[in-house]
Protein backbone atom coordinates (compact mmCIF):
# COMPACT_ATOMS: atom_id res chain seq x y z
CA MET A 1 0.00 0.00 0.00
CA SER A 2 1.15 3.54 -0.61
CA SER A 3 3.05 5.16 2.22
CA ARG A 4 0.88 8.26 1.81
CA LYS A 5 -2.28 6.50 2.95
CA GLY A 6 -3.05 6.77 6.62
CA CYS A 7 -1.17 10.00 7.26
CA CYS A 8 -2.98 12.31 9.61
CA SER A 9 -4.54 15.46 8.16
CA GLN A 10 -2.51 17.60 10.51
CA GLY A 11 0.71 16.18 9.12
CA LYS A 12 -0.42 16.78 5.54
CA ALA A 13 -1.37 20.38 6.30
CA TYR A 14 1.98 20.95 7.94
CA TRP A 15 3.86 19.90 4.83
CA ARG A 16 1.81 22.24 2.68
CA GLU A 17 3.17 25.30 4.46
CA LYS A 18 5.34 27.68 2.44
CA TYR A 19 8.46 27.12 4.54
CA ILE A 20 9.36 23.87 6.30
CA PRO A 21 12.43 23.86 8.54
CA VAL A 22 14.60 20.83 7.94
CA ARG A 23 15.00 20.31 11.69
CA TYR A 24 11.33 19.24 11.86
CA ALA A 25 11.58 16.68 9.08
CA ARG A 26 12.36 13.72 11.28
CA ALA A 27 9.35 14.35 13.49
CA ARG A 28 6.93 15.09 10.68
CA ASN A 29 7.78 12.81 7.75
CA HIS A 30 6.22 9.60 9.04
CA CYS A 31 2.73 8.14 8.82
CA HIS A 32 0.97 6.55 11.78
CA ASP A 33 1.89 3.08 10.48
CA GLY A 34 5.59 3.92 10.70
CA SER A 35 6.16 4.21 6.94
CA VAL A 36 7.97 7.20 5.48
CA ASN A 37 6.01 9.93 3.70
CA PHE A 38 8.35 10.40 0.74
CA ASP A 39 5.88 12.71 -1.02
CA ALA A 40 6.16 15.13 1.89
CA LEU A 41 9.93 14.88 2.04
CA ARG A 42 10.42 15.77 -1.62
CA ARG A 43 8.88 19.21 -0.99
CA LEU A 44 12.03 20.14 0.90
CA PRO A 45 14.45 21.88 -1.53
CA GLN A 46 17.46 20.28 0.14
CA VAL A 47 15.95 16.81 -0.09
CA GLU A 48 14.89 17.34 -3.70
CA ALA A 49 18.51 17.98 -4.65
CA VAL A 50 19.53 14.69 -3.04
CA ARG A 51 16.63 12.94 -4.77
CA GLN A 52 17.80 14.15 -8.18
CA SER A 53 21.33 12.94 -7.48
CA LEU A 54 20.16 9.51 -6.31
CA ALA A 55 17.79 9.16 -9.24
CA GLY A 56 20.60 9.88 -11.68
CA ALA A 57 22.91 7.36 -10.02
CA LEU A 58 20.21 4.68 -9.99
CA ARG A 59 19.30 5.25 -13.63
CA ASP A 60 22.96 5.03 -14.62
CA ARG A 61 23.32 1.70 -12.80
CA VAL A 62 20.07 0.04 -13.86
CA ILE A 63 19.35 1.63 -17.24
CA GLY A 64 22.77 2.94 -18.26
CA PRO A 65 24.28 6.36 -18.93
CA ASN A 66 21.91 6.98 -21.86
CA ALA A 67 18.76 6.60 -19.73
CA GLU A 68 16.94 9.58 -21.24
CA GLU A 69 17.59 8.39 -24.79
CA LYS A 70 16.35 4.91 -23.97
CA ALA A 71 13.24 6.26 -22.25
CA SER A 72 12.40 8.46 -25.23
CA HIS A 73 12.95 5.59 -27.66
CA ILE A 74 10.53 3.39 -25.72
CA MET A 75 8.03 5.63 -23.95
CA ASP A 76 7.63 8.48 -26.44
CA ALA A 77 7.81 6.57 -29.71
CA PRO A 78 4.53 6.47 -31.67
CA GLY A 79 2.73 3.27 -32.52
CA GLU A 80 0.45 0.61 -31.13
CA ARG A 81 1.61 -1.19 -28.00
CA TRP A 82 1.20 -4.83 -27.00
CA PHE A 83 -0.39 -3.61 -23.76
CA ALA A 84 -2.75 -0.73 -23.03
CA PRO A 85 -1.73 1.66 -20.22
CA ASP A 86 -4.40 0.27 -17.89
CA ARG A 87 -3.13 -3.32 -18.09
CA PRO A 88 -1.69 -4.86 -14.90
CA ILE A 89 1.72 -5.37 -16.53
CA HIS A 90 2.15 -1.58 -16.53
CA ARG A 91 1.39 -1.35 -12.82
CA VAL A 92 3.73 -4.19 -11.85
CA HIS A 93 6.66 -3.37 -14.13
CA SER A 94 6.72 0.33 -13.29
CA ASP A 95 6.94 -0.31 -9.55
CA ALA A 96 10.15 -0.34 -7.49
CA SER A 97 9.26 -3.79 -6.16
CA MET A 98 10.72 -5.14 -9.42
CA PHE A 99 14.19 -4.76 -7.89
CA ILE A 100 13.31 -7.30 -5.20
CA GLY A 101 11.33 -9.48 -7.58
CA GLY A 102 14.21 -9.62 -10.04
CA MET A 103 16.66 -10.85 -7.42
CA ARG A 104 14.20 -13.44 -6.15
CA ALA A 105 13.73 -14.68 -9.72
CA LEU A 106 17.48 -15.22 -10.16
CA LEU A 107 17.66 -17.23 -6.95
CA VAL A 108 14.70 -19.42 -7.84
CA GLN A 109 15.81 -19.95 -11.45
CA SER A 110 19.22 -21.14 -10.28
CA LEU A 111 17.65 -24.26 -8.78
CA HIS A 112 17.08 -25.84 -12.18
CA PRO A 113 20.49 -27.43 -12.96
CA ARG A 114 20.30 -27.03 -16.73
CA ALA A 115 19.07 -23.43 -16.56
CA MET A 116 21.78 -22.56 -14.03
CA ALA A 117 24.48 -24.21 -16.15
CA GLY A 118 23.55 -21.94 -19.04
CA VAL A 119 23.90 -18.86 -16.84
CA ALA A 120 27.16 -20.02 -15.25
CA GLN A 121 28.81 -20.94 -18.56
CA HIS A 122 27.52 -18.21 -20.87
CA SER A 123 26.72 -15.20 -18.70
CA ASP A 124 29.17 -12.57 -17.46
CA TYR A 125 27.02 -11.84 -14.41
CA ARG A 126 29.99 -12.18 -12.04
CA ASN A 127 32.16 -9.60 -13.79
CA ASP A 128 29.35 -7.36 -15.03
CA PRO A 129 26.24 -7.78 -12.84
CA TRP A 130 25.01 -4.26 -13.65
CA GLY A 131 25.28 -4.98 -17.38
CA ARG A 132 23.11 -8.05 -16.97
CA LEU A 133 20.60 -6.02 -14.95
CA GLN A 134 20.55 -3.30 -17.60
CA ARG A 135 19.85 -5.81 -20.37
CA THR A 136 17.01 -7.33 -18.37
CA ALA A 137 15.56 -3.89 -17.62
CA ASP A 138 15.81 -2.94 -21.30
CA PHE A 139 13.90 -6.05 -22.36
CA LEU A 140 11.13 -5.57 -19.79
CA ALA A 141 10.75 -1.89 -20.67
CA ALA A 142 10.63 -2.53 -24.42
CA THR A 143 8.11 -5.36 -24.24
CA SER A 144 5.92 -3.85 -21.51
CA PHE A 145 5.78 -0.19 -22.62
CA GLY A 146 7.28 0.13 -26.09
CA PRO A 147 5.65 0.16 -29.53
CA ALA A 148 5.01 -3.24 -31.06
CA ASP A 149 7.97 -3.02 -33.43
CA VAL A 150 10.39 -2.08 -30.62
CA ALA A 151 9.02 -4.87 -28.44
CA GLN A 152 9.42 -7.41 -31.25
CA GLN A 153 13.00 -6.29 -31.87
CA ALA A 154 13.78 -6.92 -28.18
CA VAL A 155 12.30 -10.41 -28.42
CA ASP A 156 14.26 -11.15 -31.61
CA ARG A 157 17.53 -10.13 -29.93
CA VAL A 158 16.91 -12.46 -27.00
CA ARG A 159 16.01 -15.37 -29.25
CA ALA A 160 19.19 -14.79 -31.28
CA VAL A 161 21.31 -14.88 -28.12
CA HIS A 162 19.57 -18.08 -27.00
CA THR A 163 20.73 -19.91 -30.13
CA ARG A 164 24.32 -19.62 -28.86
CA VAL A 165 23.60 -20.75 -25.29
CA VAL A 166 24.14 -24.50 -25.51
CA GLY A 167 26.35 -26.86 -23.55
CA THR A 168 26.61 -29.58 -20.95
CA THR A 169 26.12 -29.42 -17.18
CA SER A 170 28.75 -30.63 -14.71
CA THR A 171 26.83 -33.90 -14.48
CA GLY A 172 26.77 -34.45 -18.24
CA GLU A 173 23.26 -33.24 -19.05
CA GLY A 174 22.89 -31.30 -22.27
CA TYR A 175 21.04 -27.98 -22.31
CA SER A 176 19.91 -25.33 -24.76
CA ALA A 177 18.46 -21.93 -23.90
CA ASN A 178 15.91 -22.44 -26.67
CA ASP A 179 14.64 -25.66 -25.08
CA PRO A 180 10.89 -24.95 -24.64
CA HIS A 181 10.91 -26.72 -21.27
CA LEU A 182 13.69 -24.47 -19.91
CA LEU A 183 12.11 -21.38 -21.46
CA ARG A 184 8.90 -22.09 -19.59
CA TRP A 185 10.82 -22.58 -16.31
CA VAL A 186 12.59 -19.25 -16.62
CA HIS A 187 9.31 -17.57 -17.52
CA ILE A 188 7.22 -18.91 -14.64
CA ALA A 189 9.98 -18.25 -12.10
CA GLU A 190 10.09 -14.62 -13.23
CA VAL A 191 6.32 -14.13 -13.27
CA ASP A 192 5.93 -15.71 -9.84
CA SER A 193 8.74 -13.58 -8.41
CA PHE A 194 7.58 -10.28 -9.91
CA LEU A 195 4.05 -10.94 -8.70
CA ALA A 196 5.13 -12.03 -5.21
CA ALA A 197 7.28 -8.93 -4.77
CA HIS A 198 4.54 -6.63 -6.03
CA GLN A 199 1.96 -8.11 -3.66
CA VAL A 200 4.21 -7.55 -0.63
CA PHE A 201 6.21 -4.45 -1.56
CA GLY A 202 4.26 -2.82 -4.40
CA ALA A 203 2.51 0.52 -4.01
CA ASN A 204 -0.83 -0.86 -5.21
CA PRO A 205 -1.10 -4.67 -4.93
CA LEU A 206 -3.41 -6.40 -7.40
CA ASP A 207 -6.66 -8.13 -6.56
CA GLN A 208 -7.35 -11.66 -7.81
CA GLU A 209 -8.66 -10.45 -11.16
CA GLY A 210 -5.62 -8.23 -11.57
CA ARG A 211 -3.18 -11.03 -10.70
CA ASP A 212 -4.79 -13.34 -13.25
CA ALA A 213 -4.64 -10.58 -15.85
CA TYR A 214 -0.95 -9.94 -15.11
CA VAL A 215 -0.11 -13.61 -15.65
CA SER A 216 -2.11 -13.45 -18.89
CA ASP A 217 -0.22 -10.33 -20.01
CA MET A 218 3.11 -12.03 -19.41
CA ALA A 219 1.95 -15.06 -21.39
CA ILE A 220 1.80 -12.87 -24.51
CA ILE A 221 5.52 -12.08 -24.20
CA ALA A 222 6.32 -15.68 -23.31
CA ARG A 223 4.75 -17.06 -26.49
CA LYS A 224 6.75 -14.64 -28.62
CA LEU A 225 9.91 -15.92 -26.90
CA GLY A 226 8.97 -19.49 -27.77
CA VAL A 227 7.41 -20.63 -24.49
CA PRO A 228 4.74 -23.25 -25.25
CA ALA A 229 1.43 -23.02 -23.40
CA PRO A 230 2.45 -20.52 -20.70
CA PRO A 231 0.09 -20.14 -17.71
CA GLU A 232 -2.64 -17.52 -18.03
CA SER A 233 -3.93 -17.35 -14.45
CA GLU A 234 -2.37 -17.28 -11.01
CA GLN A 235 -3.66 -20.78 -10.24
CA ALA A 236 -2.20 -22.13 -13.49
CA LEU A 237 1.10 -20.44 -12.60
CA HIS A 238 1.22 -22.26 -9.27
CA ASP A 239 0.33 -25.53 -10.97
CA HIS A 240 3.21 -25.13 -13.42
CA LEU A 241 5.63 -24.38 -10.58
CA ARG A 242 4.62 -27.58 -8.79
CA GLU A 243 5.24 -29.59 -11.95
CA TYR A 244 8.87 -28.43 -12.00
CA ARG A 245 9.60 -29.18 -8.34
CA PRO A 246 10.93 -32.72 -8.95
CA GLU A 247 13.52 -31.31 -11.38
CA LEU A 248 14.91 -28.71 -8.98
CA ARG A 249 17.89 -29.41 -6.76
CA SER A 250 20.79 -27.85 -4.96
CA THR A 251 23.97 -27.71 -7.02
CA ARG A 252 27.37 -26.17 -6.50
CA GLU A 253 26.52 -23.62 -9.22
CA SER A 254 23.22 -22.60 -7.58
CA ARG A 255 24.81 -22.26 -4.14
CA ASP A 256 27.72 -20.27 -5.56
CA ALA A 257 25.28 -17.96 -7.36
CA ALA A 258 23.28 -17.37 -4.17
CA ARG A 259 26.45 -16.68 -2.19
CA TYR A 260 27.66 -14.28 -4.85
CA LEU A 261 24.35 -12.41 -5.22
CA LEU A 262 23.62 -12.16 -1.51
CA ILE A 263 27.01 -11.98 0.23
CA THR A 264 29.86 -11.03 -2.10
CA PRO A 265 28.53 -8.84 -4.94
CA PRO A 266 31.20 -6.63 -6.59
CA LEU A 267 29.94 -3.38 -5.15
CA PRO A 268 31.65 -0.46 -3.39
CA ALA A 269 30.92 -0.05 0.29
CA ALA A 270 28.44 2.80 -0.23
CA GLN A 271 26.19 0.60 -2.38
CA ARG A 272 26.31 -2.52 -0.22
CA VAL A 273 23.80 -1.28 2.37
CA PRO A 274 20.86 -0.58 0.00
CA TYR A 275 21.79 -3.64 -2.07
CA GLY A 276 21.83 -5.77 1.07
CA LEU A 277 18.38 -4.53 2.05
CA ILE A 278 17.00 -5.42 -1.38
CA ALA A 279 18.61 -8.85 -1.06
CA ALA A 280 17.02 -9.33 2.38
CA GLY A 281 13.64 -8.48 0.91
CA ALA A 282 14.15 -11.03 -1.87
CA VAL A 283 15.17 -13.77 0.56
CA SER A 284 12.12 -13.05 2.72
CA LEU A 285 9.90 -13.95 -0.26
CA LEU A 286 11.56 -17.28 -1.06
CA PRO A 287 9.57 -20.48 -0.41
CA VAL A 288 10.97 -22.58 2.43
CA TRP A 289 11.87 -25.46 0.10
CA SER A 290 14.04 -23.18 -2.02
CA ARG A 291 15.90 -21.87 1.02
CA VAL A 292 16.76 -25.39 2.05
CA MET A 293 18.22 -26.07 -1.40
CA LEU A 294 20.19 -22.82 -1.39
CA ARG A 295 21.23 -23.33 2.25
CA LEU A 296 19.72 -20.04 3.34
CA PRO A 297 18.37 -19.58 6.88
CA TRP A 298 14.66 -19.30 7.53
CA MET A 299 13.74 -16.86 10.32
CA PRO A 300 10.00 -16.20 9.98
CA LEU A 301 9.69 -13.75 12.88
CA THR A 302 12.74 -11.75 11.83
CA GLU A 303 11.53 -11.60 8.25
CA ARG A 304 7.99 -10.65 9.16
CA PHE A 305 8.91 -7.91 11.61
CA ALA A 306 12.26 -6.73 10.20
CA TYR A 307 13.13 -7.74 6.63
CA ARG A 308 9.73 -7.07 5.09
CA PRO A 309 9.21 -3.66 6.75
CA ILE A 310 12.75 -2.73 5.69
CA GLY A 311 11.98 -3.91 2.16
CA GLN A 312 8.91 -1.67 2.11
CA VAL A 313 11.00 1.32 3.14
CA VAL A 314 13.66 0.52 0.53
CA THR A 315 11.15 0.15 -2.31
CA GLY A 316 9.41 3.31 -1.16
CA ALA A 317 12.73 5.14 -1.32
CA ILE A 318 13.53 3.77 -4.79
CA ARG A 319 10.04 4.64 -5.98
CA TRP A 320 10.50 8.15 -4.62
CA VAL A 321 13.94 8.89 -6.09
CA THR A 322 13.09 7.53 -9.54
CA ASP A 323 9.59 9.05 -9.73
CA LEU A 324 8.71 6.84 -12.71
CA ASP A 325 6.69 8.75 -15.31
CA SER A 326 4.10 6.14 -16.16
CA PRO A 327 0.35 5.82 -15.75
CA ALA A 328 0.81 3.32 -12.95
CA SER A 329 3.19 5.49 -10.96
CA ARG A 330 1.06 8.59 -11.36
CA ALA A 331 -1.87 6.68 -9.92
CA ASN A 332 0.04 5.72 -6.76
């Protein structure tokens, strides 16, 4: 839920005054539920300057140095889109909860040995994790918000890359990124993770009809990528996930990936704190069975009363500094 809901009227009136001393910010920028009122904070000139700096740094990391050019190419280009602005995919993919959902997806996907072998042997995620994140963000932006021709070009690029991702696992199993079975696994792990993160950390969680519609939206992209019979409802999504459970297992590659993503990412000290909070939010959303395979601790009370509230603050902060210019974000 939005951090702005539940704020007392007195607090709102206070922030509307012409001059707001910074020394009162700590006492006045919280709602009754303990969440931070980022909308109120951004009215402070000093805080707005910090917001602009953080937004630029985040865009450079996640989108790349040519963020404005990419945004114009996708958001402002004329033409019919695959998805209307009121579709659930717009609401989910424009929300800061995607940061947490994306990390959860990587952790879950790593539990399929053949899918993980492809990442370990053909991806440069260890040396260039931000580059991998940028490519993923580019694909999601193009297919979710871009004109149909731009979206199709993004799909074609991914399919071309997949033709080169072939090999053998450490146990001798062959794999191909274009294997329809593996394509479906990667797809459902992403959809489940994005949806789980949005329901817990998103500004406006979806109702049942909206969740089913989001899964259906994602199925359109999945088919264009070559996924056969992708799920089109939340229940079907859960059914597909259960079908893959017997194939999932702990491997050295999956455990190494989890350790790398959660404990030893190649980040400077200043970025480790926010990154670590996003990672904690992702871990808090993992099913118990996946934690056992990845050898991650399960602390339900800590996660309920610490990790998840922290994750809500972090996503609220990301949402605030980026101020995404989309129909979904303007509605929040």
